[in-house]
Amino acid sequence: MAKRGGYPGGMIPGNYSNLMKQAQRMQRQMEEQQAALEQKEFTASAGGGAVTVVITGKHELKSVKISPDVVDPEDVEMLEDLIIAAMNEALSQVESAQGENLDKLTGGLGGLPGMNGLF
């Protein structure tokens, strides 16, 4: 029975060792950047500064500041909407920072089909 395909020893031709080292370095850099991002704080406001929130890169809410001028017992829904808008903006900032970090690391992978926009 003849062997089909493959390479001697099952190895991929080329410098597999260098490829693995690059992958490990990239993984280490991603972990370092993620740890740094988790320590950062992101601030966003809504309603012209009526509501301001601060969150961490871990998506943890640190603080909420509400201007007394926006507190209206007759219109609680508006205040809720402002809080949601500020939180969504802050979360968007975190996601954007994560994407920028990933782009820095994967920038050298240019020729891989379908890589752009995956992360």
Protein backbone atom coordinates (compact mmCIF):
# COMPACT_ATOMS: atom_id res chain seq x y z
CA MET A 1 0.00 0.00 0.00
CA ALA A 2 1.48 3.34 -1.04
CA LYS A 3 1.60 6.41 1.16
CA ARG A 4 -0.57 9.26 -0.01
CA GLY A 5 0.56 12.87 0.06
CA GLY A 6 2.12 14.48 3.07
CA TYR A 7 5.70 15.34 3.86
CA PRO A 8 8.36 13.22 5.52
CA GLY A 9 7.80 13.24 9.25
CA GLY A 10 4.47 15.03 8.81
CA MET A 11 6.13 18.47 8.91
CA ILE A 12 5.11 21.41 6.79
CA PRO A 13 7.89 22.55 4.47
CA GLY A 14 9.59 25.82 5.26
CA ASN A 15 10.74 27.18 8.55
CA TYR A 16 8.06 25.87 10.91
CA SER A 17 10.10 26.77 13.97
CA ASN A 18 10.21 30.46 13.03
CA LEU A 19 6.48 30.46 12.33
CA MET A 20 5.77 29.02 15.78
CA LYS A 21 8.06 31.58 17.42
CA GLN A 22 6.26 34.40 15.64
CA ALA A 23 2.88 33.04 16.70
CA GLN A 24 4.02 32.74 20.31
CA ARG A 25 5.43 36.28 20.25
CA MET A 26 2.19 37.60 18.79
CA GLN A 27 0.16 35.79 21.46
CA ARG A 28 2.38 37.19 24.22
CA GLN A 29 2.05 40.71 22.79
CA MET A 30 -1.74 40.34 22.59
CA GLU A 31 -1.86 39.23 26.23
CA GLU A 32 0.31 42.18 27.29
CA GLN A 33 -1.79 44.66 25.35
CA GLN A 34 -5.01 43.18 26.73
CA ALA A 35 -3.67 43.49 30.29
CA ALA A 36 -2.71 47.12 29.65
CA LEU A 37 -6.11 47.84 28.12
CA GLU A 38 -7.88 46.36 31.14
CA GLN A 39 -6.10 48.92 33.35
CA LYS A 40 -7.22 51.89 31.23
CA GLU A 41 -10.31 53.94 31.96
CA PHE A 42 -12.70 55.29 29.33
CA THR A 43 -14.96 58.28 29.91
CA ALA A 44 -18.04 59.18 27.89
CA SER A 45 -20.82 61.72 28.27
CA ALA A 46 -24.34 62.18 26.97
CA GLY A 47 -26.76 65.07 26.95
CA GLY A 48 -24.04 67.67 26.65
CA GLY A 49 -22.32 66.39 29.79
CA ALA A 50 -25.51 65.83 31.78
CA VAL A 51 -24.47 62.21 32.34
CA THR A 52 -20.85 61.05 32.42
CA VAL A 53 -19.69 57.47 32.93
CA VAL A 54 -16.27 55.97 33.46
CA ILE A 55 -15.59 52.31 32.66
CA THR A 56 -12.47 50.16 32.59
CA GLY A 57 -11.08 48.14 29.73
CA LYS A 58 -12.63 45.14 31.50
CA HIS A 59 -16.06 46.69 30.84
CA GLU A 60 -16.52 47.43 34.55
CA LEU A 61 -18.45 50.55 35.50
CA LYS A 62 -16.28 52.78 37.72
CA SER A 63 -18.48 55.84 38.14
CA VAL A 64 -21.61 57.65 37.01
CA LYS A 65 -21.98 61.40 37.36
CA ILE A 66 -25.40 62.95 36.86
CA SER A 67 -25.97 66.68 36.69
CA PRO A 68 -28.70 67.77 39.12
CA ASP A 69 -30.23 69.79 36.27
CA VAL A 70 -31.16 66.60 34.41
CA VAL A 71 -32.90 64.94 37.35
CA ASP A 72 -36.63 65.31 36.74
CA PRO A 73 -38.93 62.94 38.64
CA GLU A 74 -41.51 63.48 35.90
CA ASP A 75 -39.08 62.30 33.18
CA VAL A 76 -37.05 59.41 34.53
CA GLU A 77 -37.02 57.83 31.09
CA MET A 78 -34.88 60.65 29.69
CA LEU A 79 -32.30 60.11 32.44
CA GLU A 80 -32.28 56.37 31.75
CA ASP A 81 -31.73 57.06 28.04
CA LEU A 82 -28.82 59.40 28.80
CA ILE A 83 -27.16 56.78 31.02
CA ILE A 84 -27.57 54.14 28.31
CA ALA A 85 -26.16 56.48 25.66
CA ALA A 86 -23.13 57.34 27.78
CA MET A 87 -22.48 53.68 28.61
CA ASN A 88 -22.76 52.62 24.98
CA GLU A 89 -20.30 55.33 23.95
CA ALA A 90 -17.81 54.25 26.62
CA LEU A 91 -18.15 50.60 25.59
CA SER A 92 -17.61 51.64 21.98
CA GLN A 93 -14.36 53.34 23.02
CA VAL A 94 -13.16 50.10 24.67
CA GLU A 95 -14.03 48.06 21.57
CA SER A 96 -12.25 50.57 19.36
CA ALA A 97 -9.11 50.41 21.52
CA GLN A 98 -9.20 46.61 21.38
CA GLY A 99 -9.50 46.73 17.59
CA GLU A 100 -6.58 49.14 17.31
CA ASN A 101 -4.42 46.84 19.43
CA LEU A 102 -5.31 43.87 17.25
CA ASP A 103 -4.66 45.82 14.06
CA LYS A 104 -1.18 46.69 15.32
CA LEU A 105 -0.41 43.03 15.90
CA THR A 106 -1.99 41.58 12.77
CA GLY A 107 -0.84 44.33 10.41
CA GLY A 108 1.87 42.03 9.08
CA LEU A 109 -0.64 39.37 8.06
CA GLY A 110 -1.68 41.41 5.06
CA GLY A 111 -2.06 38.66 2.45
CA LEU A 112 -4.42 36.41 4.39
CA PRO A 113 -7.84 36.39 2.74
CA GLY A 114 -10.72 37.45 4.93
CA MET A 115 -8.58 38.69 7.83
CA ASN A 116 -9.60 42.34 7.55
CA GLY A 117 -12.61 43.09 9.71
CA LEU A 118 -12.69 39.70 11.40
CA PHE A 119 -11.72 41.05 14.78
